[in-house]
């Protein structure tokens, strides 16, 4: 009786060991399978968060596919482009800078479909922001400009948030198939006194390659 019980325990232990070994190899023992590691975690802004959730907003009417969203890979973005932070700005992550008063500026890169012009892409982003936030967003200005010798567009808007409103300036810079984004934001009460610093950092924008 004890011998049989011991034999059963040993058999169960051996089966468990084989199962664990197979799992660590990516499949059943002897199977021709290749272990695929899980994807790397995506970059998330830490603080302060940007209320502009483009990827979460539904498509605007007439748009069949979602607006291309910026790459979450900040290491890749910071390897392509840069800005020079001013004194008093903390580097929270590569390409992401902030001040204690809530003013922030970040860099991103997006690759729109080739059939979209820069104006098309910016219009789609604006429509998606408006669709996602409705009356909680107020667009204030938009312009054509040149940044680092490249064609660019920008727009300024205010988003109603609790406990207070936030004001944004988004700059979209065309470089071949890439669009580089500089997003500036701050509490509405802070934005106007920080606008000159935002502009100086936008002026420092540079390509690394």
Protein backbone atom coordinates (compact mmCIF):
# COMPACT_ATOMS: atom_id res chain seq x y z
CA UNK A 1 0.00 0.00 0.00
CA UNK A 2 2.75 2.45 0.99
CA UNK A 3 4.83 1.43 -2.01
CA UNK A 4 1.93 2.12 -4.38
CA UNK A 5 1.27 5.46 -2.72
CA UNK A 6 4.92 6.47 -2.97
CA UNK A 7 4.96 5.40 -6.62
CA UNK A 8 1.90 7.55 -7.36
CA UNK A 9 3.46 10.56 -5.63
CA UNK A 10 6.70 10.16 -7.59
CA UNK A 11 4.76 9.80 -10.86
CA UNK A 12 2.75 12.97 -10.16
CA UNK A 13 5.94 14.87 -9.32
CA UNK A 14 7.61 13.68 -12.52
CA UNK A 15 4.58 14.73 -14.63
CA UNK A 16 4.58 18.19 -13.01
CA UNK A 17 8.31 18.58 -13.65
CA UNK A 18 7.88 17.62 -17.32
CA UNK A 19 5.00 20.09 -17.70
CA UNK A 20 7.04 22.93 -16.22
CA UNK A 21 9.99 22.08 -18.46
CA UNK A 22 7.76 22.02 -21.53
CA UNK A 23 6.18 25.36 -20.64
CA UNK A 24 9.60 26.98 -20.25
CA UNK A 25 10.52 25.77 -23.73
CA UNK A 26 7.41 27.28 -25.30
CA UNK A 27 5.36 24.09 -25.87
CA UNK A 28 4.93 20.39 -25.17
CA UNK A 29 8.06 18.31 -24.74
CA UNK A 30 9.42 17.32 -28.14
CA UNK A 31 7.25 19.82 -30.08
CA UNK A 32 8.88 21.93 -32.81
CA UNK A 33 7.85 25.26 -31.29
CA UNK A 34 9.70 28.51 -30.72
CA UNK A 35 9.38 30.49 -27.54
CA UNK A 36 8.03 33.99 -28.24
CA UNK A 37 8.72 36.48 -25.45
CA UNK A 38 5.88 38.79 -24.38
CA UNK A 39 5.84 42.26 -25.94
CA UNK A 40 7.71 45.01 -24.14
CA UNK A 41 5.50 47.30 -22.05
CA UNK A 42 4.43 50.46 -23.82
CA UNK A 43 5.57 53.85 -22.60
CA UNK A 44 3.10 55.73 -20.45
CA UNK A 45 3.35 59.37 -19.48
CA UNK A 46 3.73 59.57 -15.74
CA UNK A 47 2.98 63.11 -14.65
CA UNK A 48 1.20 65.31 -15.37
CA UNK A 49 -1.09 63.33 -17.71
CA UNK A 50 -2.17 64.76 -21.03
CA UNK A 51 -5.99 64.93 -21.19
CA UNK A 52 -5.78 64.71 -25.00
CA UNK A 53 -6.74 61.05 -25.50
CA UNK A 54 -6.72 60.83 -29.29
CA UNK A 55 -6.53 57.06 -29.46
CA UNK A 56 -9.52 56.61 -27.14
CA UNK A 57 -11.83 58.92 -29.08
CA UNK A 58 -14.25 57.43 -31.63
CA UNK A 59 -13.68 58.13 -35.31
CA UNK A 60 -15.19 61.38 -36.61
CA UNK A 61 -18.16 61.01 -39.01
CA UNK A 62 -17.06 59.83 -42.45
CA UNK A 63 -13.69 58.55 -41.25
CA UNK A 64 -13.42 54.82 -41.88
CA UNK A 65 -10.18 54.16 -40.01
CA UNK A 66 -8.80 55.60 -36.80
CA UNK A 67 -6.38 58.50 -36.87
CA UNK A 68 -2.80 57.22 -36.69
CA UNK A 69 -1.59 57.75 -33.14
CA UNK A 70 1.89 58.71 -31.99
CA UNK A 71 4.43 56.00 -31.28
CA UNK A 72 4.62 55.05 -27.63
CA UNK A 73 8.32 54.30 -27.96
CA UNK A 74 9.95 57.33 -26.36
CA UNK A 75 13.44 55.89 -26.86
CA UNK A 76 12.81 55.73 -30.61
CA UNK A 77 11.31 59.23 -30.66
CA UNK A 78 14.18 60.77 -28.71
CA UNK A 79 16.65 59.11 -31.08
CA UNK A 80 15.05 60.92 -34.04
CA UNK A 81 14.26 64.39 -32.73
CA UNK A 82 15.04 66.66 -29.82
CA UNK A 83 14.27 69.95 -28.14
CA UNK A 84 16.40 71.79 -25.61
CA UNK A 85 14.65 72.17 -22.23
CA UNK A 86 15.03 75.52 -20.47
CA UNK A 87 16.22 76.08 -16.93
CA UNK A 88 13.55 75.04 -14.46
CA UNK A 89 12.23 72.21 -16.64
CA UNK A 90 12.70 68.67 -15.37
CA UNK A 91 13.37 65.74 -17.71
CA UNK A 92 10.80 63.10 -16.72
CA UNK A 93 11.58 60.82 -19.66
CA UNK A 94 13.44 61.22 -22.96
CA UNK A 95 11.46 63.79 -24.92
CA UNK A 96 9.14 64.63 -22.00
CA UNK A 97 9.73 67.69 -19.82
CA UNK A 98 7.70 69.37 -17.08
CA UNK A 99 7.71 72.12 -14.48
CA UNK A 100 6.34 71.96 -10.93
CA UNK A 101 3.47 74.28 -11.89
CA UNK A 102 2.05 71.66 -14.30
CA UNK A 103 3.42 73.00 -17.58
CA UNK A 104 4.64 70.15 -19.79
CA UNK A 105 6.02 69.53 -23.26
CA UNK A 106 6.47 66.20 -25.04
CA UNK A 107 7.70 64.83 -28.35
CA UNK A 108 6.15 62.10 -30.48
CA UNK A 109 6.34 60.67 -33.99
CA UNK A 110 3.54 59.32 -36.18
CA UNK A 111 3.47 57.79 -39.66
CA UNK A 112 0.21 58.73 -41.42
CA UNK A 113 -0.89 56.90 -44.58
CA UNK A 114 0.77 58.32 -47.70
CA UNK A 115 -2.56 59.55 -49.11
CA UNK A 116 -2.98 61.99 -46.20
CA UNK A 117 -1.48 65.46 -46.51
CA UNK A 118 -0.31 67.24 -43.38
CA UNK A 119 -3.47 69.37 -43.46
CA UNK A 120 -5.60 66.22 -43.80
CA UNK A 121 -3.94 64.60 -40.81
CA UNK A 122 -4.20 67.67 -38.59
CA UNK A 123 -7.87 68.11 -39.56
CA UNK A 124 -8.57 64.49 -38.63
CA UNK A 125 -6.87 64.93 -35.25
CA UNK A 126 -8.90 68.06 -34.54
CA UNK A 127 -12.12 66.30 -35.54
CA UNK A 128 -11.32 63.34 -33.32
CA UNK A 129 -10.53 65.57 -30.34
CA UNK A 130 -13.81 67.41 -30.89
CA UNK A 131 -15.77 64.17 -31.27
CA UNK A 132 -14.23 62.66 -28.18
CA UNK A 133 -14.68 65.70 -25.92
CA UNK A 134 -17.64 67.53 -27.48
CA UNK A 135 -18.45 70.80 -25.71
CA UNK A 136 -15.60 70.19 -23.26
CA UNK A 137 -13.04 71.43 -25.83
CA UNK A 138 -12.68 74.90 -27.30
CA UNK A 139 -10.38 75.53 -30.31
CA UNK A 140 -8.83 78.98 -30.26
CA UNK A 141 -6.31 79.37 -33.09
CA UNK A 142 -4.47 77.54 -35.87
CA UNK A 143 -1.60 78.50 -38.16
CA UNK A 144 0.91 77.43 -40.81
CA UNK A 145 4.55 77.77 -39.77
CA UNK A 146 8.06 76.50 -40.41
CA UNK A 147 10.01 74.61 -37.75
CA UNK A 148 13.67 73.74 -38.37
CA UNK A 149 13.10 74.47 -42.05
CA UNK A 150 10.21 71.98 -42.26
CA UNK A 151 6.56 72.61 -43.09
CA UNK A 152 4.42 72.59 -39.95
CA UNK A 153 0.95 73.28 -38.58
CA UNK A 154 -0.20 74.12 -35.08
CA UNK A 155 -3.39 74.72 -33.17
CA UNK A 156 -4.29 75.90 -29.68
CA UNK A 157 -7.26 74.68 -27.68
CA UNK A 158 -8.60 74.52 -24.14
CA UNK A 159 -10.06 71.36 -22.60
CA UNK A 160 -12.38 71.46 -19.61
CA UNK A 161 -11.08 69.18 -16.87
CA UNK A 162 -11.56 68.73 -13.16
CA UNK A 163 -10.34 70.36 -10.98
CA UNK A 164 -9.36 72.94 -13.65
CA UNK A 165 -9.09 73.60 -17.38
CA UNK A 166 -5.98 72.76 -19.41
CA UNK A 167 -4.72 74.66 -22.41
CA UNK A 168 -2.76 73.03 -25.26
CA UNK A 169 -0.64 73.91 -28.23
CA UNK A 170 0.03 71.03 -30.62
CA UNK A 171 2.65 71.43 -33.36
CA UNK A 172 2.79 68.97 -36.30
CA UNK A 173 5.98 68.93 -38.38
CA UNK A 174 6.16 67.12 -41.73
CA UNK A 175 9.35 65.30 -42.70
CA UNK A 176 8.75 62.90 -45.59
CA UNK A 177 6.59 60.03 -44.38
CA UNK A 178 7.00 61.09 -40.74
CA UNK A 179 5.08 63.69 -38.77
CA UNK A 180 6.77 64.89 -35.60
CA UNK A 181 4.54 66.22 -32.85
CA UNK A 182 5.41 68.72 -30.14
CA UNK A 183 2.61 68.87 -27.60
CA UNK A 184 2.64 71.69 -25.06
CA UNK A 185 0.12 71.85 -22.23
CA UNK A 186 -0.45 73.51 -18.88
CA UNK A 187 -3.26 74.44 -16.52
CA UNK A 188 -5.12 77.28 -18.20
CA UNK A 189 -4.07 79.69 -15.45
CA UNK A 190 -0.41 78.83 -16.11
CA UNK A 191 -0.37 78.50 -19.91
CA UNK A 192 -0.20 82.16 -20.94
CA UNK A 193 2.79 82.96 -18.73
CA UNK A 194 4.54 79.84 -20.07
CA UNK A 195 3.74 80.44 -23.77
CA UNK A 196 7.08 82.19 -24.43
CA UNK A 197 9.01 79.26 -22.91
CA UNK A 198 7.01 76.83 -25.04
CA UNK A 199 7.91 78.86 -28.14
CA UNK A 200 11.61 78.96 -27.27
CA UNK A 201 11.70 75.18 -26.87
CA UNK A 202 9.77 74.71 -30.13
CA UNK A 203 12.39 76.93 -31.79
CA UNK A 204 15.11 74.57 -30.47
CA UNK A 205 13.56 71.56 -32.27
CA UNK A 206 16.15 69.58 -34.24
CA UNK A 207 16.48 66.35 -36.21
CA UNK A 208 19.12 63.93 -34.94
CA UNK A 209 19.56 61.98 -38.20
